Amino acid sequence: MTTHGTRDGYSWLWSNERRLSEVLQAVPELVLGQVVAVTACDSGPFQPNADEHAAGWSVEREVAFSPRIRDVRQLPLKTWDEWYVFTERRVLPEIHVFVNDGNFTPDPMPPLRDLEPTWDRMAAGEDRRLVVEQAEWFWHQLLAVQPAAFLAEGDTLTCVIASETLFASVLAVVGRGAG
């Protein structure tokens, strides 16, 4: 399933049909020439090794900053990854990592999907309320740091992109063969 929408100058998608590696292979322009702030790599902080430090990686308050990306292979692509993509390096406030939160979606009003008739509707409604609160927290944080893109992969793929052109390319990749 893939859902997408727009909010506050960004286009977003959430999908369980594609991987971040597929998106980067098809649309490397998302990161090429940019600085990537890695807030999670394999669900925890990314610790660049000596070679990566020598190549320009640095760490500030558990956020690893890449040098300007020339090749997507410079990026530590695992699973449970979360990246903020910027045109320039910047100082970030304390960042909450969302990729590790169950049911994370940037959808500001997620529907109660696939609700079985035997499920407790009150509990499902409470779960929806928590997901909505989490989405609001995410948007507040995203708008505070103003990245060119937010890319994350855990149980699902999340892409939030300022460029309409890049978003259209990503949506074409994620939608290709979906279903």
C-alpha atoms as a PDB file:
ATOM      1  CA  MET A   1       0.000   0.000   0.000  1.00  0.00           C
ATOM      2  CA  THR A   2       1.224   3.496  -0.821  1.00  0.00           C
ATOM      3  CA  THR A   3      -0.319   6.729   0.385  1.00  0.00           C
ATOM      4  CA  HIS A   4       0.807  10.216  -0.501  1.00  0.00           C
ATOM      5  CA  GLY A   5      -0.150  13.834  -0.063  1.00  0.00           C
ATOM      6  CA  THR A   6       1.123  17.358   0.466  1.00  0.00           C
ATOM      7  CA  ARG A   7       1.577  19.596   3.454  1.00  0.00           C
ATOM      8  CA  ASP A   8       3.323  22.894   4.160  1.00  0.00           C
ATOM      9  CA  GLY A   9       5.296  23.005   0.902  1.00  0.00           C
ATOM     10  CA  TYR A  10       6.329  19.340   1.019  1.00  0.00           C
ATOM     11  CA  SER A  11       5.057  16.286  -0.813  1.00  0.00           C
ATOM     12  CA  TRP A  12       5.127  13.032   1.118  1.00  0.00           C
ATOM     13  CA  LEU A  13       4.640   9.332   0.584  1.00  0.00           C
ATOM     14  CA  TRP A  14       4.479   6.313   2.830  1.00  0.00           C
ATOM     15  CA  SER A  15       4.762   2.848   1.328  1.00  0.00           C
ATOM     16  CA  ASN A  16       5.348  -0.792   2.150  1.00  0.00           C
ATOM     17  CA  GLU A  17       5.956  -1.620  -1.530  1.00  0.00           C
ATOM     18  CA  ARG A  18       9.478  -0.287  -2.178  1.00  0.00           C
ATOM     19  CA  ARG A  19      12.862   0.094  -0.471  1.00  0.00           C
ATOM     20  CA  LEU A  20      14.982   3.211  -0.084  1.00  0.00           C
ATOM     21  CA  SER A  21      17.745   1.544  -2.096  1.00  0.00           C
ATOM     22  CA  GLU A  22      15.385   1.254  -5.081  1.00  0.00           C
ATOM     23  CA  VAL A  23      14.421   4.911  -4.819  1.00  0.00           C
ATOM     24  CA  LEU A  24      18.053   6.060  -4.623  1.00  0.00           C
ATOM     25  CA  GLN A  25      19.063   3.874  -7.556  1.00  0.00           C
ATOM     26  CA  ALA A  26      16.301   5.377  -9.712  1.00  0.00           C
ATOM     27  CA  VAL A  27      16.428   8.961  -8.378  1.00  0.00           C
ATOM     28  CA  PRO A  28      19.978   9.622  -7.117  1.00  0.00           C
ATOM     29  CA  GLU A  29      19.354  13.368  -7.522  1.00  0.00           C
ATOM     30  CA  LEU A  30      17.626  13.201  -4.135  1.00  0.00           C
ATOM     31  CA  VAL A  31      21.053  13.154  -2.485  1.00  0.00           C
ATOM     32  CA  LEU A  32      23.690  13.979  -5.118  1.00  0.00           C
ATOM     33  CA  GLY A  33      25.396  17.281  -4.369  1.00  0.00           C
ATOM     34  CA  GLN A  34      23.652  17.433  -0.990  1.00  0.00           C
ATOM     35  CA  VAL A  35      24.706  17.023   2.639  1.00  0.00           C
ATOM     36  CA  VAL A  36      22.911  14.180   4.437  1.00  0.00           C
ATOM     37  CA  ALA A  37      22.301  14.221   8.182  1.00  0.00           C
ATOM     38  CA  VAL A  38      21.970  10.584   9.273  1.00  0.00           C
ATOM     39  CA  THR A  39      19.833  10.450  12.412  1.00  0.00           C
ATOM     40  CA  ALA A  40      19.488   6.650  12.357  1.00  0.00           C
ATOM     41  CA  CYS A  41      21.367   3.819  10.690  1.00  0.00           C
ATOM     42  CA  ASP A  42      20.185   0.312  11.459  1.00  0.00           C
ATOM     43  CA  SER A  43      17.972   1.924  14.155  1.00  0.00           C
ATOM     44  CA  GLY A  44      20.791   3.686  16.027  1.00  0.00           C
ATOM     45  CA  PRO A  45      23.316   6.482  15.598  1.00  0.00           C
ATOM     46  CA  PHE A  46      25.693   6.109  12.657  1.00  0.00           C
ATOM     47  CA  GLN A  47      29.339   6.002  13.724  1.00  0.00           C
ATOM     48  CA  PRO A  48      31.585   6.816  10.750  1.00  0.00           C
ATOM     49  CA  ASN A  49      34.783   4.807  10.648  1.00  0.00           C
ATOM     50  CA  ALA A  50      38.278   6.329  10.221  1.00  0.00           C
ATOM     51  CA  ASP A  51      38.066   6.245   6.411  1.00  0.00           C
ATOM     52  CA  GLU A  52      34.673   7.951   6.463  1.00  0.00           C
ATOM     53  CA  HIS A  53      35.955  10.634   8.859  1.00  0.00           C
ATOM     54  CA  ALA A  54      38.901  11.189   6.519  1.00  0.00           C
ATOM     55  CA  ALA A  55      36.413  11.533   3.625  1.00  0.00           C
ATOM     56  CA  GLY A  56      34.590  14.323   5.461  1.00  0.00           C
ATOM     57  CA  TRP A  57      31.995  12.658   7.681  1.00  0.00           C
ATOM     58  CA  SER A  58      31.487  14.264  11.097  1.00  0.00           C
ATOM     59  CA  VAL A  59      29.241  13.681  14.101  1.00  0.00           C
ATOM     60  CA  GLU A  60      27.431  16.240  16.209  1.00  0.00           C
ATOM     61  CA  ARG A  61      25.071  15.180  19.042  1.00  0.00           C
ATOM     62  CA  GLU A  62      24.550  11.664  17.610  1.00  0.00           C
ATOM     63  CA  VAL A  63      23.781  13.002  14.119  1.00  0.00           C
ATOM     64  CA  ALA A  64      26.308  12.007  11.440  1.00  0.00           C
ATOM     65  CA  PHE A  65      26.816  14.550   8.648  1.00  0.00           C
ATOM     66  CA  SER A  66      28.069  13.453   5.262  1.00  0.00           C
ATOM     67  CA  PRO A  67      30.377  15.401   3.040  1.00  0.00           C
ATOM     68  CA  ARG A  68      28.650  16.640  -0.133  1.00  0.00           C
ATOM     69  CA  ILE A  69      27.409  13.408  -1.766  1.00  0.00           C
ATOM     70  CA  ARG A  70      29.009  12.512  -5.111  1.00  0.00           C
ATOM     71  CA  ASP A  71      27.823   8.889  -5.230  1.00  0.00           C
ATOM     72  CA  VAL A  72      24.914   7.242  -3.375  1.00  0.00           C
ATOM     73  CA  ARG A  73      27.318   4.498  -2.272  1.00  0.00           C
ATOM     74  CA  GLN A  74      28.828   7.049   0.145  1.00  0.00           C
ATOM     75  CA  LEU A  75      25.706   6.674   2.277  1.00  0.00           C
ATOM     76  CA  PRO A  76      25.278   3.985   4.968  1.00  0.00           C
ATOM     77  CA  LEU A  77      22.214   2.179   3.659  1.00  0.00           C
ATOM     78  CA  LYS A  78      20.962  -0.527   6.009  1.00  0.00           C
ATOM     79  CA  THR A  79      17.397  -0.754   7.317  1.00  0.00           C
ATOM     80  CA  TRP A  80      15.800   1.376  10.002  1.00  0.00           C
ATOM     81  CA  ASP A  81      17.582   4.380   8.476  1.00  0.00           C
ATOM     82  CA  GLU A  82      16.531   8.010   8.752  1.00  0.00           C
ATOM     83  CA  TRP A  83      18.093  10.884   6.825  1.00  0.00           C
ATOM     84  CA  TYR A  84      17.564  14.620   6.479  1.00  0.00           C
ATOM     85  CA  VAL A  85      18.920  15.959   3.179  1.00  0.00           C
ATOM     86  CA  PHE A  86      20.193  19.558   3.053  1.00  0.00           C
ATOM     87  CA  THR A  87      21.752  21.801   0.435  1.00  0.00           C
ATOM     88  CA  GLU A  88      24.279  22.955   3.073  1.00  0.00           C
ATOM     89  CA  ARG A  89      25.515  21.665   6.434  1.00  0.00           C
ATOM     90  CA  ARG A  90      23.607  23.215   9.322  1.00  0.00           C
ATOM     91  CA  VAL A  91      23.357  23.036  13.073  1.00  0.00           C
ATOM     92  CA  LEU A  92      20.355  20.957  14.083  1.00  0.00           C
ATOM     93  CA  PRO A  93      18.332  21.117  17.270  1.00  0.00           C
ATOM     94  CA  GLU A  94      17.821  17.892  19.203  1.00  0.00           C
ATOM     95  CA  ILE A  95      16.178  15.510  16.741  1.00  0.00           C
ATOM     96  CA  HIS A  96      13.623  12.835  17.561  1.00  0.00           C
ATOM     97  CA  VAL A  97      14.155   9.705  15.447  1.00  0.00           C
ATOM     98  CA  PHE A  98      10.802   8.631  14.013  1.00  0.00           C
ATOM     99  CA  VAL A  99      11.835   5.570  11.993  1.00  0.00           C
ATOM    100  CA  ASN A 100      12.006   3.509  15.198  1.00  0.00           C
ATOM    101  CA  ASP A 101       8.452   4.434  16.241  1.00  0.00           C
ATOM    102  CA  GLY A 102       5.900   1.776  15.392  1.00  0.00           C
ATOM    103  CA  ASN A 103       3.174   2.865  12.980  1.00  0.00           C
ATOM    104  CA  PHE A 104       5.015   6.071  12.016  1.00  0.00           C
ATOM    105  CA  THR A 105       3.469   7.843   9.049  1.00  0.00           C
ATOM    106  CA  PRO A 106       3.675  11.480   7.927  1.00  0.00           C
ATOM    107  CA  ASP A 107      -0.015  11.230   7.025  1.00  0.00           C
ATOM    108  CA  PRO A 108      -1.690  13.907   9.162  1.00  0.00           C
ATOM    109  CA  MET A 109      -5.021  12.015   9.100  1.00  0.00           C
ATOM    110  CA  PRO A 110      -4.378   8.287   8.649  1.00  0.00           C
ATOM    111  CA  PRO A 111      -7.528   6.241   8.137  1.00  0.00           C
ATOM    112  CA  LEU A 112      -8.293   3.244  10.281  1.00  0.00           C
ATOM    113  CA  ARG A 113      -7.005   0.772   7.711  1.00  0.00           C
ATOM    114  CA  ASP A 114      -7.945  -2.872   7.495  1.00  0.00           C
ATOM    115  CA  LEU A 115     -10.011  -2.771  10.660  1.00  0.00           C
ATOM    116  CA  GLU A 116     -11.302  -6.267  11.369  1.00  0.00           C
ATOM    117  CA  PRO A 117     -14.898  -6.506  12.654  1.00  0.00           C
ATOM    118  CA  THR A 118     -13.678  -8.235  15.821  1.00  0.00           C
ATOM    119  CA  TRP A 119     -11.212  -5.496  16.763  1.00  0.00           C
ATOM    120  CA  ASP A 120     -11.933  -3.196  19.643  1.00  0.00           C
ATOM    121  CA  ARG A 121     -12.942   0.020  17.885  1.00  0.00           C
ATOM    122  CA  MET A 122     -12.189   2.167  20.938  1.00  0.00           C
ATOM    123  CA  ALA A 123      -8.630   0.813  21.126  1.00  0.00           C
ATOM    124  CA  ALA A 124      -8.202   1.312  17.378  1.00  0.00           C
ATOM    125  CA  GLY A 125      -9.426   4.899  17.765  1.00  0.00           C
ATOM    126  CA  GLU A 126      -6.894   5.498  20.550  1.00  0.00           C
ATOM    127  CA  ASP A 127      -4.121   4.058  18.372  1.00  0.00           C
ATOM    128  CA  ARG A 128      -5.174   6.431  15.570  1.00  0.00           C
ATOM    129  CA  ARG A 129      -5.042   9.366  17.994  1.00  0.00           C
ATOM    130  CA  LEU A 130      -1.461   8.476  18.940  1.00  0.00           C
ATOM    131  CA  VAL A 131      -0.453   8.153  15.264  1.00  0.00           C
ATOM    132  CA  VAL A 132      -1.961  11.576  14.538  1.00  0.00           C
ATOM    133  CA  GLU A 133      -0.068  13.114  17.481  1.00  0.00           C
ATOM    134  CA  GLN A 134       3.155  11.533  16.261  1.00  0.00           C
ATOM    135  CA  ALA A 135       2.569  12.902  12.741  1.00  0.00           C
ATOM    136  CA  GLU A 136       2.063  16.394  14.157  1.00  0.00           C
ATOM    137  CA  TRP A 137       5.305  16.101  16.145  1.00  0.00           C
ATOM    138  CA  PHE A 138       7.092  14.975  12.971  1.00  0.00           C
ATOM    139  CA  TRP A 139       5.773  17.922  10.928  1.00  0.00           C
ATOM    140  CA  HIS A 140       6.700  20.373  13.677  1.00  0.00           C
ATOM    141  CA  GLN A 141      10.286  19.022  13.705  1.00  0.00           C
ATOM    142  CA  LEU A 142      10.534  18.860   9.902  1.00  0.00           C
ATOM    143  CA  LEU A 143       9.359  22.443   9.448  1.00  0.00           C
ATOM    144  CA  ALA A 144      11.798  23.614  12.127  1.00  0.00           C
ATOM    145  CA  VAL A 145      14.827  22.224  10.244  1.00  0.00           C
ATOM    146  CA  GLN A 146      13.555  22.752   6.658  1.00  0.00           C
ATOM    147  CA  PRO A 147      15.374  19.934   4.823  1.00  0.00           C
ATOM    148  CA  ALA A 148      15.246  19.483   1.072  1.00  0.00           C
ATOM    149  CA  ALA A 149      14.100  15.929   1.848  1.00  0.00           C
ATOM    150  CA  PHE A 150      13.448  13.494   4.677  1.00  0.00           C
ATOM    151  CA  LEU A 151      14.059   9.837   3.783  1.00  0.00           C
ATOM    152  CA  ALA A 152      13.443   6.917   6.114  1.00  0.00           C
ATOM    153  CA  GLU A 153      13.058   3.169   5.900  1.00  0.00           C
ATOM    154  CA  GLY A 154      11.947   0.902   8.698  1.00  0.00           C
ATOM    155  CA  ASP A 155       8.869  -1.278   8.370  1.00  0.00           C
ATOM    156  CA  THR A 156       7.873   1.148   5.631  1.00  0.00           C
ATOM    157  CA  LEU A 157       9.434   3.698   3.297  1.00  0.00           C
ATOM    158  CA  THR A 158       8.798   7.365   4.045  1.00  0.00           C
ATOM    159  CA  CYS A 159       9.817  10.167   1.678  1.00  0.00           C
ATOM    160  CA  VAL A 160       9.053  13.830   2.329  1.00  0.00           C
ATOM    161  CA  ILE A 161      10.410  16.079  -0.409  1.00  0.00           C
ATOM    162  CA  ALA A 162      10.325  19.826  -1.053  1.00  0.00           C
ATOM    163  CA  SER A 163      10.930  19.587  -4.823  1.00  0.00           C
ATOM    164  CA  GLU A 164       7.768  18.715  -6.742  1.00  0.00           C
ATOM    165  CA  THR A 165       9.887  17.427  -9.644  1.00  0.00           C
ATOM    166  CA  LEU A 166      11.917  15.061  -7.465  1.00  0.00           C
ATOM    167  CA  PHE A 167       8.788  13.920  -5.665  1.00  0.00           C
ATOM    168  CA  ALA A 168       7.093  13.077  -8.986  1.00  0.00           C
ATOM    169  CA  SER A 169      10.128  10.962  -9.916  1.00  0.00           C
ATOM    170  CA  VAL A 170      10.052   9.148  -6.573  1.00  0.00           C
ATOM    171  CA  LEU A 171       6.309   8.571  -6.774  1.00  0.00           C
ATOM    172  CA  ALA A 172       6.754   7.080 -10.258  1.00  0.00           C
ATOM    173  CA  VAL A 173       9.342   4.618  -8.875  1.00  0.00           C
ATOM    174  CA  VAL A 174       7.315   3.670  -5.824  1.00  0.00           C
ATOM    175  CA  GLY A 175       4.135   3.286  -7.870  1.00  0.00           C
ATOM    176  CA  ARG A 176       5.825   1.185 -10.576  1.00  0.00           C
ATOM    177  CA  GLY A 177       4.783  -2.427 -10.168  1.00  0.00           C
ATOM    178  CA  ALA A 178       2.930  -1.688  -6.950  1.00  0.00           C
ATOM    179  CA  GLY A 179      -0.044  -3.680  -5.990  1.00  0.00           C
END
